[in-house]
Amino acid sequence: IHHVSPHETYFCITTGWLNYPLEKIRFWRCLENII
């Protein structure tokens, strides 16, 4: 899922347990908007 362009989701690569919950709360997108 991460390797679908533009590579903007599912960044956790140890177990991947947090990918779905972080995506549901738009965690990475919120950080990107702030920065």
Full PDB file with SEQRES, HELIX, SHEET, SSBOND, CRYST1, ORIGX, SCALE, CONECT and MASTER records, all heavy atoms in Angstrom:
SEQRES   1 A   35  ILE HIS HIS VAL SER PRO HIS GLU THR TYR PHE CYS ILE          
SEQRES   2 A   35  THR THR GLY TRP LEU ASN TYR PRO LEU GLU LYS ILE ARG          
SEQRES   3 A   35  PHE TRP ARG CYS LEU GLU ASN ILE ILE                          
HELIX    1 AA1 ASN A   19  LYS A   24  1                                   6    
HELIX    2 AA2 PHE A   27  ILE A   34  1                                   8    
CRYST1    1.000    1.000    1.000  90.00  90.00  90.00 P 1           1          
ORIGX1      1.000000  0.000000  0.000000        0.00000                         
ORIGX2      0.000000  1.000000  0.000000        0.00000                         
ORIGX3      0.000000  0.000000  1.000000        0.00000                         
SCALE1      1.000000  0.000000  0.000000        0.00000                         
SCALE2      0.000000  1.000000  0.000000        0.00000                         
SCALE3      0.000000  0.000000  1.000000        0.00000                         
ATOM      1  N   ILE A   1       0.838  -1.205   0.000  1.00  0.00           N  
ATOM      2  CA  ILE A   1       0.000   0.000   0.000  1.00  0.00           C  
ATOM      3  C   ILE A   1       0.870   1.252   0.000  1.00  0.00           C  
ATOM      4  O   ILE A   1       0.538   2.256  -0.640  1.00  0.00           O  
ATOM      5  CB  ILE A   1      -0.946  -0.019   1.221  1.00  0.00           C  
ATOM      6  CG1 ILE A   1      -1.836  -1.254   1.164  1.00  0.00           C  
ATOM      7  CG2 ILE A   1      -1.781   1.250   1.297  1.00  0.00           C  
ATOM      8  CD1 ILE A   1      -2.699  -1.446   2.405  1.00  0.00           C  
ATOM      9  N   HIS A   2       1.994   1.195   0.692  1.00  0.00           N  
ATOM     10  CA  HIS A   2       2.868   2.370   0.738  1.00  0.00           C  
ATOM     11  C   HIS A   2       3.504   2.653  -0.616  1.00  0.00           C  
ATOM     12  O   HIS A   2       3.778   3.807  -0.952  1.00  0.00           O  
ATOM     13  CB  HIS A   2       3.969   2.170   1.786  1.00  0.00           C  
ATOM     14  CG  HIS A   2       5.036   3.225   1.734  1.00  0.00           C  
ATOM     15  ND1 HIS A   2       4.831   4.511   2.191  1.00  0.00           N  
ATOM     16  CD2 HIS A   2       6.328   3.190   1.268  1.00  0.00           C  
ATOM     17  CE1 HIS A   2       5.924   5.223   2.018  1.00  0.00           C  
ATOM     18  NE2 HIS A   2       6.851   4.437   1.455  1.00  0.00           N  
ATOM     19  N   HIS A   3       3.753   1.612  -1.387  1.00  0.00           N  
ATOM     20  CA  HIS A   3       4.483   1.785  -2.641  1.00  0.00           C  
ATOM     21  C   HIS A   3       3.594   2.167  -3.805  1.00  0.00           C  
ATOM     22  O   HIS A   3       4.026   2.111  -4.962  1.00  0.00           O  
ATOM     23  CB  HIS A   3       5.278   0.513  -2.951  1.00  0.00           C  
ATOM     24  CG  HIS A   3       6.553   0.430  -2.176  1.00  0.00           C  
ATOM     25  ND1 HIS A   3       7.723   1.014  -2.588  1.00  0.00           N  
ATOM     26  CD2 HIS A   3       6.828  -0.149  -0.971  1.00  0.00           C  
ATOM     27  CE1 HIS A   3       8.675   0.783  -1.695  1.00  0.00           C  
ATOM     28  NE2 HIS A   3       8.151   0.074  -0.706  1.00  0.00           N  
ATOM     29  N   VAL A   4       2.386   2.570  -3.509  1.00  0.00           N  
ATOM     30  CA  VAL A   4       1.527   3.166  -4.535  1.00  0.00           C  
ATOM     31  C   VAL A   4       1.782   4.671  -4.532  1.00  0.00           C  
ATOM     32  O   VAL A   4       1.671   5.324  -3.493  1.00  0.00           O  
ATOM     33  CB  VAL A   4       0.038   2.863  -4.248  1.00  0.00           C  
ATOM     34  CG1 VAL A   4      -0.850   3.559  -5.267  1.00  0.00           C  
ATOM     35  CG2 VAL A   4      -0.194   1.354  -4.251  1.00  0.00           C  
ATOM     36  N   SER A   5       2.162   5.226  -5.697  1.00  0.00           N  
ATOM     37  CA  SER A   5       2.448   6.659  -5.785  1.00  0.00           C  
ATOM     38  C   SER A   5       1.215   7.463  -5.344  1.00  0.00           C  
ATOM     39  O   SER A   5       0.084   7.068  -5.634  1.00  0.00           O  
ATOM     40  CB  SER A   5       2.827   7.010  -7.230  1.00  0.00           C  
ATOM     41  OG  SER A   5       3.198   8.357  -7.335  1.00  0.00           O  
ATOM     42  N   PRO A   6       1.429   8.531  -4.574  1.00  0.00           N  
ATOM     43  CA  PRO A   6       2.669   9.276  -4.269  1.00  0.00           C  
ATOM     44  C   PRO A   6       3.339   8.897  -2.952  1.00  0.00           C  
ATOM     45  O   PRO A   6       3.999   9.735  -2.337  1.00  0.00           O  
ATOM     46  CB  PRO A   6       2.178  10.723  -4.222  1.00  0.00           C  
ATOM     47  CG  PRO A   6       0.808  10.628  -3.662  1.00  0.00           C  
ATOM     48  CD  PRO A   6       0.236   9.338  -4.184  1.00  0.00           C  
ATOM     49  N   HIS A   7       3.159   7.660  -2.475  1.00  0.00           N  
ATOM     50  CA  HIS A   7       3.868   7.174  -1.275  1.00  0.00           C  
ATOM     51  C   HIS A   7       3.579   8.058  -0.057  1.00  0.00           C  
ATOM     52  O   HIS A   7       4.496   8.514   0.619  1.00  0.00           O  
ATOM     53  CB  HIS A   7       5.375   7.110  -1.531  1.00  0.00           C  
ATOM     54  CG  HIS A   7       5.751   6.518  -2.846  1.00  0.00           C  
ATOM     55  ND1 HIS A   7       5.661   5.157  -3.102  1.00  0.00           N  
ATOM     56  CD2 HIS A   7       6.200   7.084  -4.000  1.00  0.00           C  
ATOM     57  CE1 HIS A   7       6.061   4.919  -4.342  1.00  0.00           C  
ATOM     58  NE2 HIS A   7       6.383   6.066  -4.905  1.00  0.00           N  
ATOM     59  N   GLU A   8       2.310   8.283   0.212  1.00  0.00           N  
ATOM     60  CA  GLU A   8       1.931   9.221   1.262  1.00  0.00           C  
ATOM     61  C   GLU A   8       1.239   8.566   2.448  1.00  0.00           C  
ATOM     62  O   GLU A   8       0.655   9.249   3.294  1.00  0.00           O  
ATOM     63  CB  GLU A   8       1.005  10.298   0.685  1.00  0.00           C  
ATOM     64  CG  GLU A   8      -0.281   9.734   0.094  1.00  0.00           C  
ATOM     65  CD  GLU A   8      -1.156  10.808  -0.529  1.00  0.00           C  
ATOM     66  OE1 GLU A   8      -0.713  11.986  -0.554  1.00  0.00           O  
ATOM     67  OE2 GLU A   8      -2.260  10.467  -0.986  1.00  0.00           O  
ATOM     68  N   THR A   9       1.304   7.251   2.565  1.00  0.00           N  
ATOM     69  CA  THR A   9       0.619   6.573   3.662  1.00  0.00           C  
ATOM     70  C   THR A   9       1.350   5.290   4.038  1.00  0.00           C  
ATOM     71  O   THR A   9       2.270   4.854   3.337  1.00  0.00           O  
ATOM     72  CB  THR A   9      -0.839   6.250   3.263  1.00  0.00           C  
ATOM     73  OG1 THR A   9      -1.527   5.737   4.395  1.00  0.00           O  
ATOM     74  CG2 THR A   9      -0.883   5.247   2.129  1.00  0.00           C  
ATOM     75  N   TYR A  10       0.939   4.689   5.163  1.00  0.00           N  
ATOM     76  CA  TYR A  10       1.479   3.411   5.643  1.00  0.00           C  
ATOM     77  C   TYR A  10       3.003   3.449   5.732  1.00  0.00           C  
ATOM     78  O   TYR A  10       3.712   2.656   5.121  1.00  0.00           O  
ATOM     79  CB  TYR A  10       1.022   2.265   4.734  1.00  0.00           C  
ATOM     80  CG  TYR A  10      -0.372   1.773   5.052  1.00  0.00           C  
ATOM     81  CD1 TYR A  10      -1.407   2.667   5.330  1.00  0.00           C  
ATOM     82  CD2 TYR A  10      -0.673   0.419   5.083  1.00  0.00           C  
ATOM     83  CE1 TYR A  10      -2.690   2.220   5.624  1.00  0.00           C  
ATOM     84  CE2 TYR A  10      -1.955  -0.035   5.377  1.00  0.00           C  
ATOM     85  CZ  TYR A  10      -2.947   0.880   5.652  1.00  0.00           C  
ATOM     86  OH  TYR A  10      -4.215   0.446   5.948  1.00  0.00           O  
ATOM     87  N   PHE A  11       3.510   4.351   6.558  1.00  0.00           N  
ATOM     88  CA  PHE A  11       4.955   4.538   6.695  1.00  0.00           C  
ATOM     89  C   PHE A  11       5.599   3.584   7.703  1.00  0.00           C  
ATOM     90  O   PHE A  11       6.814   3.396   7.664  1.00  0.00           O  
ATOM     91  CB  PHE A  11       5.253   5.979   7.118  1.00  0.00           C  
ATOM     92  CG  PHE A  11       4.931   7.002   6.068  1.00  0.00           C  
ATOM     93  CD1 PHE A  11       3.752   7.724   6.132  1.00  0.00           C  
ATOM     94  CD2 PHE A  11       5.793   7.236   5.014  1.00  0.00           C  
ATOM     95  CE1 PHE A  11       3.446   8.668   5.170  1.00  0.00           C  
ATOM     96  CE2 PHE A  11       5.489   8.174   4.040  1.00  0.00           C  
ATOM     97  CZ  PHE A  11       4.316   8.898   4.118  1.00  0.00           C  
ATOM     98  N   CYS A  12       4.844   3.028   8.629  1.00  0.00           N  
ATOM     99  CA  CYS A  12       5.419   2.177   9.668  1.00  0.00           C  
ATOM    100  C   CYS A  12       5.844   0.837   9.063  1.00  0.00           C  
ATOM    101  O   CYS A  12       5.027   0.145   8.432  1.00  0.00           O  
ATOM    102  CB  CYS A  12       4.408   1.948  10.792  1.00  0.00           C  
ATOM    103  SG  CYS A  12       3.894   3.476  11.620  1.00  0.00           S  
ATOM    104  N   ILE A  13       7.105   0.466   9.259  1.00  0.00           N  
ATOM    105  CA  ILE A  13       7.651  -0.698   8.543  1.00  0.00           C  
ATOM    106  C   ILE A  13       8.249  -1.746   9.479  1.00  0.00           C  
ATOM    107  O   ILE A  13       8.970  -2.642   9.019  1.00  0.00           O  
ATOM    108  CB  ILE A  13       8.717  -0.259   7.515  1.00  0.00           C  
ATOM    109  CG1 ILE A  13       9.815   0.558   8.203  1.00  0.00           C  
ATOM    110  CG2 ILE A  13       8.086   0.527   6.375  1.00  0.00           C  
ATOM    111  CD1 ILE A  13      10.979   0.924   7.291  1.00  0.00           C  
ATOM    112  N   THR A  14       7.975  -1.671  10.785  1.00  0.00           N  
ATOM    113  CA  THR A  14       8.455  -2.712  11.689  1.00  0.00           C  
ATOM    114  C   THR A  14       7.423  -3.827  11.817  1.00  0.00           C  
ATOM    115  O   THR A  14       7.699  -4.983  11.487  1.00  0.00           O  
ATOM    116  CB  THR A  14       8.781  -2.126  13.070  1.00  0.00           C  
ATOM    117  OG1 THR A  14       9.776  -1.116  12.923  1.00  0.00           O  
ATOM    118  CG2 THR A  14       9.313  -3.207  14.000  1.00  0.00           C  
ATOM    119  N   THR A  15       6.256  -3.497  12.281  1.00  0.00           N  
ATOM    120  CA  THR A  15       5.152  -4.457  12.324  1.00  0.00           C  
ATOM    121  C   THR A  15       3.977  -4.000  11.458  1.00  0.00           C  
ATOM    122  O   THR A  15       3.178  -4.819  11.029  1.00  0.00           O  
ATOM    123  CB  THR A  15       4.642  -4.645  13.765  1.00  0.00           C  
ATOM    124  OG1 THR A  15       4.151  -3.399  14.264  1.00  0.00           O  
ATOM    125  CG2 THR A  15       5.763  -5.137  14.660  1.00  0.00           C  
ATOM    126  N   GLY A  16       3.864  -2.700  11.251  1.00  0.00           N  
ATOM    127  CA  GLY A  16       2.731  -2.158  10.504  1.00  0.00           C  
ATOM    128  C   GLY A  16       1.455  -2.057  11.316  1.00  0.00           C  
ATOM    129  O   GLY A  16       0.405  -1.706  10.767  1.00  0.00           O  
ATOM    130  N   TRP A  17       1.530  -2.329  12.615  1.00  0.00           N  
ATOM    131  CA  TRP A  17       0.314  -2.302  13.442  1.00  0.00           C  
ATOM    132  C   TRP A  17      -0.316  -0.917  13.484  1.00  0.00           C  
ATOM    133  O   TRP A  17      -1.541  -0.792  13.575  1.00  0.00           O  
ATOM    134  CB  TRP A  17       0.636  -2.742  14.869  1.00  0.00           C  
ATOM    135  CG  TRP A  17       1.102  -4.153  14.996  1.00  0.00           C  
ATOM    136  CD1 TRP A  17       1.059  -5.124  14.029  1.00  0.00           C  
ATOM    137  CD2 TRP A  17       1.692  -4.766  16.143  1.00  0.00           C  
ATOM    138  NE1 TRP A  17       1.585  -6.302  14.505  1.00  0.00           N  
ATOM    139  CE2 TRP A  17       1.981  -6.111  15.801  1.00  0.00           C  
ATOM    140  CE3 TRP A  17       1.999  -4.320  17.417  1.00  0.00           C  
ATOM    141  CZ2 TRP A  17       2.561  -6.998  16.698  1.00  0.00           C  
ATOM    142  CZ3 TRP A  17       2.582  -5.206  18.317  1.00  0.00           C  
ATOM    143  CH2 TRP A  17       2.861  -6.535  17.956  1.00  0.00           C  
ATOM    144  N   LEU A  18       0.499   0.117  13.439  1.00  0.00           N  
ATOM    145  CA  LEU A  18      -0.014   1.479  13.605  1.00  0.00           C  
ATOM    146  C   LEU A  18      -0.433   2.134  12.300  1.00  0.00           C  
ATOM    147  O   LEU A  18      -0.976   3.242  12.321  1.00  0.00           O  
ATOM    148  CB  LEU A  18       1.042   2.350  14.288  1.00  0.00           C  
ATOM    149  CG  LEU A  18       1.406   1.976  15.724  1.00  0.00           C  
ATOM    150  CD1 LEU A  18       2.478   2.916  16.263  1.00  0.00           C  
ATOM    151  CD2 LEU A  18       0.186   2.012  16.629  1.00  0.00           C  
ATOM    152  N   ASN A  19      -0.209   1.488  11.180  1.00  0.00           N  
ATOM    153  CA  ASN A  19      -0.510   2.138   9.901  1.00  0.00           C  
ATOM    154  C   ASN A  19      -1.992   2.474   9.752  1.00  0.00           C  
ATOM    155  O   ASN A  19      -2.348   3.602   9.394  1.00  0.00           O  
ATOM    156  CB  ASN A  19      -0.055   1.241   8.744  1.00  0.00           C  
ATOM    157  CG  ASN A  19       1.437   1.330   8.504  1.00  0.00           C  
ATOM    158  OD1 ASN A  19       2.043   2.381   8.677  1.00  0.00           O  
ATOM    159  ND2 ASN A  19       2.035   0.226   8.123  1.00  0.00           N  
ATOM    160  N   TYR A  20      -2.840   1.512  10.036  1.00  0.00           N  
ATOM    161  CA  TYR A  20      -4.273   1.758   9.855  1.00  0.00           C  
ATOM    162  C   TYR A  20      -4.815   2.814  10.823  1.00  0.00           C  
ATOM    163  O   TYR A  20      -5.487   3.760  10.390  1.00  0.00           O  
ATOM    164  CB  TYR A  20      -5.049   0.449  10.002  1.00  0.00           C  
ATOM    165  CG  TYR A  20      -6.536   0.606   9.808  1.00  0.00           C  
ATOM    166  CD1 TYR A  20      -7.078   0.775   8.531  1.00  0.00           C  
ATOM    167  CD2 TYR A  20      -7.397   0.616  10.899  1.00  0.00           C  
ATOM    168  CE1 TYR A  20      -8.440   0.934   8.350  1.00  0.00           C  
ATOM    169  CE2 TYR A  20      -8.761   0.777  10.733  1.00  0.00           C  
ATOM    170  CZ  TYR A  20      -9.283   0.935   9.449  1.00  0.00           C  
ATOM    171  OH  TYR A  20     -10.628   1.109   9.285  1.00  0.00           O  
ATOM    172  N   PRO A  21      -4.551   2.710  12.145  1.00  0.00           N  
ATOM    173  CA  PRO A  21      -5.079   3.748  13.036  1.00  0.00           C  
ATOM    174  C   PRO A  21      -4.514   5.129  12.756  1.00  0.00           C  
ATOM    175  O   PRO A  21      -5.245   6.131  12.833  1.00  0.00           O  
ATOM    176  CB  PRO A  21      -4.697   3.255  14.443  1.00  0.00           C  
ATOM    177  CG  PRO A  21      -3.644   2.243  14.237  1.00  0.00           C  
ATOM    178  CD  PRO A  21      -3.920   1.624  12.909  1.00  0.00           C  
ATOM    179  N   LEU A  22      -3.223   5.233  12.401  1.00  0.00           N  
ATOM    180  CA  LEU A  22      -2.659   6.539  12.085  1.00  0.00           C  
ATOM    181  C   LEU A  22      -3.257   7.109  10.809  1.00  0.00           C  
ATOM    182  O   LEU A  22      -3.443   8.334  10.681  1.00  0.00           O  
ATOM    183  CB  LEU A  22      -1.137   6.451  11.946  1.00  0.00           C  
ATOM    184  CG  LEU A  22      -0.358   6.161  13.231  1.00  0.00           C  
ATOM    185  CD1 LEU A  22       1.129   6.035  12.947  1.00  0.00           C  
ATOM    186  CD2 LEU A  22      -0.600   7.247  14.273  1.00  0.00           C  
ATOM    187  N   GLU A  23      -3.595   6.237   9.875  1.00  0.00           N  
ATOM    188  CA  GLU A  23      -4.248   6.701   8.643  1.00  0.00           C  
ATOM    189  C   GLU A  23      -5.674   7.162   8.921  1.00  0.00           C  
ATOM    190  O   GLU A  23      -6.143   8.162   8.342  1.00  0.00           O  
ATOM    191  CB  GLU A  23      -4.239   5.572   7.608  1.00  0.00           C  
ATOM    192  CG  GLU A  23      -4.868   5.943   6.268  1.00  0.00           C  
ATOM    193  CD  GLU A  23      -4.100   7.027   5.545  1.00  0.00           C  
ATOM    194  OE1 GLU A  23      -2.911   7.239   5.853  1.00  0.00           O  
ATOM    195  OE2 GLU A  23      -4.692   7.686   4.664  1.00  0.00           O  
ATOM    196  N   LYS A  24      -6.360   6.483   9.808  1.00  0.00           N  
ATOM    197  CA  LYS A  24      -7.748   6.851  10.110  1.00  0.00           C  
ATOM    198  C   LYS A  24      -7.836   8.221  10.778  1.00  0.00           C  
ATOM    199  O   LYS A  24      -8.791   8.971  10.545  1.00  0.00           O  
ATOM    200  CB  LYS A  24      -8.390   5.793  11.007  1.00  0.00           C  
ATOM    201  CG  LYS A  24      -8.614   4.457  10.334  1.00  0.00           C  
ATOM    202  CD  LYS A  24      -9.548   4.583   9.143  1.00  0.00           C  
ATOM    203  CE  LYS A  24     -10.973   4.875   9.565  1.00  0.00           C  
ATOM    204  NZ  LYS A  24     -11.900   4.894   8.414  1.00  0.00           N  
ATOM    205  N   ILE A  25      -6.878   8.566  11.607  1.00  0.00           N  
ATOM    206  CA  ILE A  25      -6.902   9.875  12.262  1.00  0.00           C  
ATOM    207  C   ILE A  25      -6.127  10.924  11.457  1.00  0.00           C  
ATOM    208  O   ILE A  25      -5.972  12.056  11.932  1.00  0.00           O  
ATOM    209  CB  ILE A  25      -6.331   9.790  13.688  1.00  0.00           C  
ATOM    210  CG1 ILE A  25      -4.852   9.415  13.666  1.00  0.00           C  
ATOM    211  CG2 ILE A  25      -7.128   8.808  14.534  1.00  0.00           C  
ATOM    212  CD1 ILE A  25      -4.185   9.439  15.041  1.00  0.00           C  
ATOM    213  N   ARG A  26      -5.638  10.539  10.263  1.00  0.00           N  
ATOM    214  CA  ARG A  26      -4.929  11.457   9.368  1.00  0.00           C  
ATOM    215  C   ARG A  26      -3.715  12.080  10.082  1.00  0.00           C  
ATOM    216  O   ARG A  26      -3.457  13.293   9.983  1.00  0.00           O  
ATOM    217  CB  ARG A  26      -5.878  12.538   8.869  1.00  0.00           C  
ATOM    218  CG  ARG A  26      -7.066  11.985   8.086  1.00  0.00           C  
ATOM    219  CD  ARG A  26      -8.080  13.077   7.773  1.00  0.00           C  
ATOM    220  NE  ARG A  26      -7.492  14.113   6.951  1.00  0.00           N  
ATOM    221  CZ  ARG A  26      -7.415  14.076   5.618  1.00  0.00           C  
ATOM    222  NH1 ARG A  26      -7.892  13.004   4.959  1.00  0.00           N  
ATOM    223  NH2 ARG A  26      -6.886  15.071   4.949  1.00  0.00           N  
ATOM    224  N   PHE A  27      -2.985  11.230  10.781  1.00  0.00           N  
ATOM    225  CA  PHE A  27      -1.876  11.723  11.596  1.00  0.00           C  
ATOM    226  C   PHE A  27      -0.791  12.361  10.735  1.00  0.00           C  
ATOM    227  O   PHE A  27      -0.359  13.496  10.997  1.00  0.00           O  
ATOM    228  CB  PHE A  27      -1.297  10.554  12.410  1.00  0.00           C  
ATOM    229  CG  PHE A  27      -0.125  10.927  13.262  1.00  0.00           C  
ATOM    230  CD1 PHE A  27      -0.314  11.575  14.464  1.00  0.00           C  
ATOM    231  CD2 PHE A  27       1.180  10.629  12.854  1.00  0.00           C  
ATOM    232  CE1 PHE A  27       0.772  11.921  15.266  1.00  0.00           C  
ATOM    233  CE2 PHE A  27       2.260  10.972  13.649  1.00  0.00           C  
ATOM    234  CZ  PHE A  27       2.061  11.621  14.849  1.00  0.00           C  
ATOM    235  N   TRP A  28      -0.336  11.660   9.700  1.00  0.00           N  
ATOM    236  CA  TRP A  28       0.746  12.180   8.868  1.00  0.00           C  
ATOM    237  C   TRP A  28       0.295  13.414   8.092  1.00  0.00           C  
ATOM    238  O   TRP A  28       1.077  14.364   7.932  1.00  0.00           O  
ATOM    239  CB  TRP A  28       1.251  11.100   7.914  1.00  0.00           C  
ATOM    240  CG  TRP A  28       1.648   9.837   8.592  1.00  0.00           C  
ATOM    241  CD1 TRP A  28       1.080   8.601   8.454  1.00  0.00           C  
ATOM    242  CD2 TRP A  28       2.714   9.662   9.543  1.00  0.00           C  
ATOM    243  NE1 TRP A  28       1.711   7.686   9.247  1.00  0.00           N  
ATOM    244  CE2 TRP A  28       2.719   8.290   9.928  1.00  0.00           C  
ATOM    245  CE3 TRP A  28       3.657  10.517  10.103  1.00  0.00           C  
ATOM    246  CZ2 TRP A  28       3.635   7.775  10.842  1.00  0.00           C  
ATOM    247  CZ3 TRP A  28       4.564  10.000  11.017  1.00  0.00           C  
ATOM    248  CH2 TRP A  28       4.547   8.655  11.374  1.00  0.00           C  
ATOM    249  N   ARG A  29      -0.928  13.407   7.620  1.00  0.00           N  
ATOM    250  CA  ARG A  29      -1.426  14.559   6.864  1.00  0.00           C  
ATOM    251  C   ARG A  29      -1.497  15.802   7.745  1.00  0.00           C  
ATOM    252  O   ARG A  29      -1.175  16.909   7.295  1.00  0.00           O  
ATOM    253  CB  ARG A  29      -2.814  14.230   6.294  1.00  0.00           C  
ATOM    254  CG  ARG A  29      -3.348  15.264   5.329  1.00  0.00           C  
ATOM    255  CD  ARG A  29      -2.502  15.364   4.073  1.00  0.00           C  
ATOM    256  NE  ARG A  29      -2.356  14.082   3.427  1.00  0.00           N  
ATOM    257  CZ  ARG A  29      -3.256  13.578   2.549  1.00  0.00           C  
ATOM    258  NH1 ARG A  29      -4.344  14.252   2.253  1.00  0.00           N  
ATOM    259  NH2 ARG A  29      -3.033  12.402   1.982  1.00  0.00           N  
ATOM    260  N   CYS A  30      -1.897  15.621   8.996  1.00  0.00           N  
ATOM    261  CA  CYS A  30      -1.941  16.761   9.918  1.00  0.00           C  
ATOM    262  C   CYS A  30      -0.544  17.324  10.163  1.00  0.00           C  
ATOM    263  O   CYS A  30      -0.344  18.551  10.171  1.00  0.00           O  
ATOM    264  CB  CYS A  30      -2.587  16.344  11.233  1.00  0.00           C  
ATOM    265  SG  CYS A  30      -4.357  16.003  11.122  1.00  0.00           S  
ATOM    266  N   LEU A  31       0.449  16.433  10.354  1.00  0.00           N  
ATOM    267  CA  LEU A  31       1.816  16.906  10.533  1.00  0.00           C  
ATOM    268  C   LEU A  31       2.317  17.643   9.295  1.00  0.00           C  
ATOM    269  O   LEU A  31       2.984  18.683   9.403  1.00  0.00           O  
ATOM    270  CB  LEU A  31       2.743  15.731  10.840  1.00  0.00           C  
ATOM    271  CG  LEU A  31       2.698  15.129  12.246  1.00  0.00           C  
ATOM    272  CD1 LEU A  31       3.740  14.030  12.379  1.00  0.00           C  
ATOM    273  CD2 LEU A  31       2.921  16.185  13.318  1.00  0.00           C  
ATOM    274  N   GLU A  32       2.004  17.109   8.132  1.00  0.00           N  
ATOM    275  CA  GLU A  32       2.441  17.760   6.895  1.00  0.00           C  
ATOM    276  C   GLU A  32       1.810  19.136   6.736  1.00  0.00           C  
ATOM    277  O   GLU A  32       2.480  20.095   6.311  1.00  0.00           O  
ATOM    278  CB  GLU A  32       2.087  16.870   5.704  1.00  0.00           C  
ATOM    279  CG  GLU A  32       2.889  15.581   5.648  1.00  0.00           C  
ATOM    280  CD  GLU A  32       2.344  14.590   4.632  1.00  0.00           C  
ATOM    281  OE1 GLU A  32       1.399  14.975   3.885  1.00  0.00           O  
ATOM    282  OE2 GLU A  32       2.832  13.456   4.583  1.00  0.00           O  
ATOM    283  N   ASN A  33       0.537  19.273   7.076  1.00  0.00           N  
ATOM    284  CA  ASN A  33      -0.128  20.571   6.964  1.00  0.00           C  
ATOM    285  C   ASN A  33       0.490  21.590   7.920  1.00  0.00           C  
ATOM    286  O   ASN A  33       0.650  22.771   7.573  1.00  0.00           O  
ATOM    287  CB  ASN A  33      -1.622  20.422   7.253  1.00  0.00           C  
ATOM    288  CG  ASN A  33      -2.339  19.643   6.166  1.00  0.00           C  
ATOM    289  OD1 ASN A  33      -1.870  19.553   5.027  1.00  0.00           O  
ATOM    290  ND2 ASN A  33      -3.475  19.058   6.501  1.00  0.00           N  
ATOM    291  N   ILE A  34       0.838  21.132   9.128  1.00  0.00           N  
ATOM    292  CA  ILE A  34       1.454  22.039  10.096  1.00  0.00           C  
ATOM    293  C   ILE A  34       2.819  22.511   9.606  1.00  0.00           C  
ATOM    294  O   ILE A  34       3.131  23.717   9.619  1.00  0.00           O  
ATOM    295  CB  ILE A  34       1.579  21.347  11.464  1.00  0.00           C  
ATOM    296  CG1 ILE A  34       0.190  21.105  12.066  1.00  0.00           C  
ATOM    297  CG2 ILE A  34       2.422  22.199  12.419  1.00  0.00           C  
ATOM    298  CD1 ILE A  34       0.210  20.261  13.328  1.00  0.00           C  
ATOM    299  N   ILE A  35       3.647  21.576   9.142  1.00  0.00           N  
ATOM    300  CA  ILE A  35       4.996  21.932   8.685  1.00  0.00           C  
ATOM    301  C   ILE A  35       4.924  22.794   7.430  1.00  0.00           C  
ATOM    302  O   ILE A  35       5.673  23.774   7.283  1.00  0.00           O  
ATOM    303  CB  ILE A  35       5.817  20.661   8.435  1.00  0.00           C  
ATOM    304  CG1 ILE A  35       6.044  19.925   9.756  1.00  0.00           C  
ATOM    305  CG2 ILE A  35       7.154  20.991   7.779  1.00  0.00           C  
ATOM    306  CD1 ILE A  35       6.746  18.596   9.615  1.00  0.00           C  
TER     307      ILE A  35                                                      
MASTER        0    0    0    2    0    0    0    6  306    1    0    3          
END                                                                             
